[in-house]
Protein backbone atom coordinates (compact mmCIF):
# COMPACT_ATOMS: atom_id res chain seq x y z
CA MET A 1 -136.64 27.29 -8.55
CA SER A 2 -134.81 30.79 -8.88
CA SER A 3 -133.49 33.34 -7.08
CA ASN A 4 -136.24 35.13 -7.70
CA ASP A 5 -138.28 32.76 -4.98
CA HIS A 6 -136.34 33.41 -2.03
CA PRO A 7 -135.65 37.21 -2.42
CA HIS A 8 -134.33 37.21 1.38
CA ARG A 9 -129.92 35.91 0.92
CA GLU A 10 -128.56 36.90 3.86
CA ILE A 11 -127.15 35.11 6.58
CA ASN A 12 -128.74 36.84 9.81
CA ALA A 13 -127.07 35.19 12.46
CA ILE A 14 -124.06 31.98 13.62
CA THR A 15 -124.38 30.07 16.61
CA LEU A 16 -121.28 29.74 18.46
CA LEU A 17 -120.30 27.50 21.46
CA CYS A 18 -118.87 29.19 24.06
CA THR A 19 -117.67 27.60 27.74
CA ASP A 20 -117.08 30.64 29.83
CA MET A 21 -119.80 33.37 28.35
CA ALA A 22 -118.81 36.17 29.98
CA ALA A 23 -115.26 35.98 28.65
CA SER A 24 -117.21 35.73 25.51
CA CYS A 25 -119.47 38.39 25.82
CA GLN A 26 -116.70 40.91 27.07
CA PHE A 27 -114.77 39.19 23.68
CA TYR A 28 -117.50 40.35 21.68
CA ALA A 29 -118.40 44.15 22.92
CA VAL A 30 -114.63 45.00 22.90
CA LEU A 31 -114.61 44.35 19.25
CA GLY A 32 -117.70 46.45 18.51
CA PHE A 33 -120.44 43.72 18.77
CA GLU A 34 -123.71 45.08 20.66
CA LEU A 35 -124.87 42.97 23.10
CA VAL A 36 -129.23 42.64 22.42
CA PHE A 37 -129.95 39.50 24.30
CA GLY A 38 -128.48 37.56 27.40
CA GLY A 39 -125.46 37.81 28.72
CA PRO A 40 -122.52 37.10 30.72
CA ASP A 41 -124.64 34.88 33.28
CA GLU A 42 -127.48 33.32 31.35
CA PRO A 43 -127.19 30.71 28.86
CA PHE A 44 -127.60 32.20 25.52
CA SER A 45 -127.04 35.91 24.85
CA SER A 46 -127.42 37.43 21.14
CA LEU A 47 -125.23 40.08 20.25
CA GLN A 48 -125.70 42.10 17.24
CA PHE A 49 -122.79 43.61 14.46
CA GLY A 50 -123.95 45.85 11.70
CA GLN A 51 -127.31 44.24 10.64
CA ASN A 52 -125.95 40.75 11.84
CA PHE A 53 -125.54 39.42 15.04
CA VAL A 54 -123.78 36.05 16.65
CA ASN A 55 -125.44 33.87 19.02
CA LEU A 56 -123.88 32.12 21.81
CA THR A 57 -124.48 28.99 23.55
CA ALA A 58 -123.07 27.85 26.84
CA SER A 59 -121.21 24.35 26.25
CA GLU A 60 -119.70 22.51 29.22
CA GLY A 61 -117.56 20.98 26.66
CA ALA A 62 -114.94 22.96 23.58
CA PRO A 63 -115.68 23.12 20.45
CA ALA A 64 -113.54 20.05 18.56
CA GLY A 65 -111.20 20.78 16.13
CA PHE A 66 -111.14 23.47 12.80
CA TRP A 67 -114.49 23.68 11.56
CA GLY A 68 -114.18 26.94 9.70
CA ARG A 69 -113.94 30.36 10.32
CA VAL A 70 -116.56 33.07 10.09
CA ILE A 71 -115.32 36.53 8.15
CA PHE A 72 -116.88 40.15 9.44
CA HIS A 73 -116.56 43.17 7.38
CA VAL A 74 -115.13 45.65 8.82
CA PRO A 75 -114.67 49.65 8.01
CA ASP A 76 -111.10 49.16 8.71
CA PRO A 77 -108.86 46.01 9.77
CA ASP A 78 -106.10 47.90 10.98
CA ALA A 79 -108.27 49.61 14.00
CA THR A 80 -110.36 45.93 14.55
CA TRP A 81 -106.65 44.46 15.56
CA ALA A 82 -104.81 47.12 17.12
CA THR A 83 -108.10 47.00 19.35
CA ALA A 84 -108.01 43.22 20.30
CA ARG A 85 -104.63 43.52 20.47
CA SER A 86 -105.03 46.99 23.65
CA ASN A 87 -107.26 44.50 25.14
CA GLY A 88 -105.45 41.29 25.77
CA TYR A 89 -106.16 39.17 23.12
CA GLU A 90 -103.34 37.93 19.94
CA PRO A 91 -104.76 37.68 16.88
CA MET A 92 -103.43 34.65 14.63
CA MET A 93 -101.66 37.68 12.23
CA GLU A 94 -101.33 41.03 11.65
CA PRO A 95 -103.53 43.08 8.63
CA SER A 96 -102.34 42.45 5.71
CA ASP A 97 -103.50 42.77 2.13
CA ALA A 98 -105.22 39.31 0.59
CA PRO A 99 -104.60 38.98 -3.74
CA TRP A 100 -108.49 38.46 -4.18
CA GLY A 101 -108.92 42.04 -2.73
CA GLU A 102 -109.07 42.13 1.05
CA ARG A 103 -107.36 43.89 3.92
CA TYR A 104 -107.77 41.07 6.50
CA PHE A 105 -107.01 39.45 9.88
CA HIS A 106 -107.43 37.03 11.91
CA LEU A 107 -108.21 36.52 15.35
CA ARG A 108 -109.64 33.64 17.81
CA ASP A 109 -112.40 33.58 20.21
CA PRO A 110 -111.92 32.30 23.88
CA ASP A 111 -113.34 28.92 22.64
CA GLY A 112 -111.20 28.54 19.96
CA HIS A 113 -113.98 30.04 17.23
CA GLU A 114 -112.15 31.63 13.65
CA LEU A 115 -112.70 34.95 13.55
CA SER A 116 -111.61 37.34 10.13
CA PHE A 117 -111.93 40.63 9.73
CA ALA A 118 -111.49 41.86 6.96
CA ARG A 119 -112.62 44.74 4.40
CA ARG A 120 -113.06 45.17 0.82
CA ILE A 121 -109.07 47.12 -0.26
CA GLU A 122 -109.98 49.86 -3.08
CA LYS A 123 -108.62 49.47 -6.51
């Protein structure tokens, strides 16, 4: 099967467990995600980020351990970092330039999911 057999190749959405829907909706809203379905009092919410989506599904138990990281490209990681900090969220690191050609920082959401906000560095 060739790549031409499947013309649409993208990750359109990720779904994350959350233990406090209101806190998670607020966290993602502060960082520029737009709520398009559900909300703070619902068991499932969908937030748009560019052409993609983060879905949140309520869970009574917190996710266990490191599962990986979701990377979101943003125009200005430094501004996103500042927005997170000014709203009381503590990023795991300050924005920095990576040898692979991105400026990025990591941040955990209210349920411990590791997120990275990055942009490609122009050479």
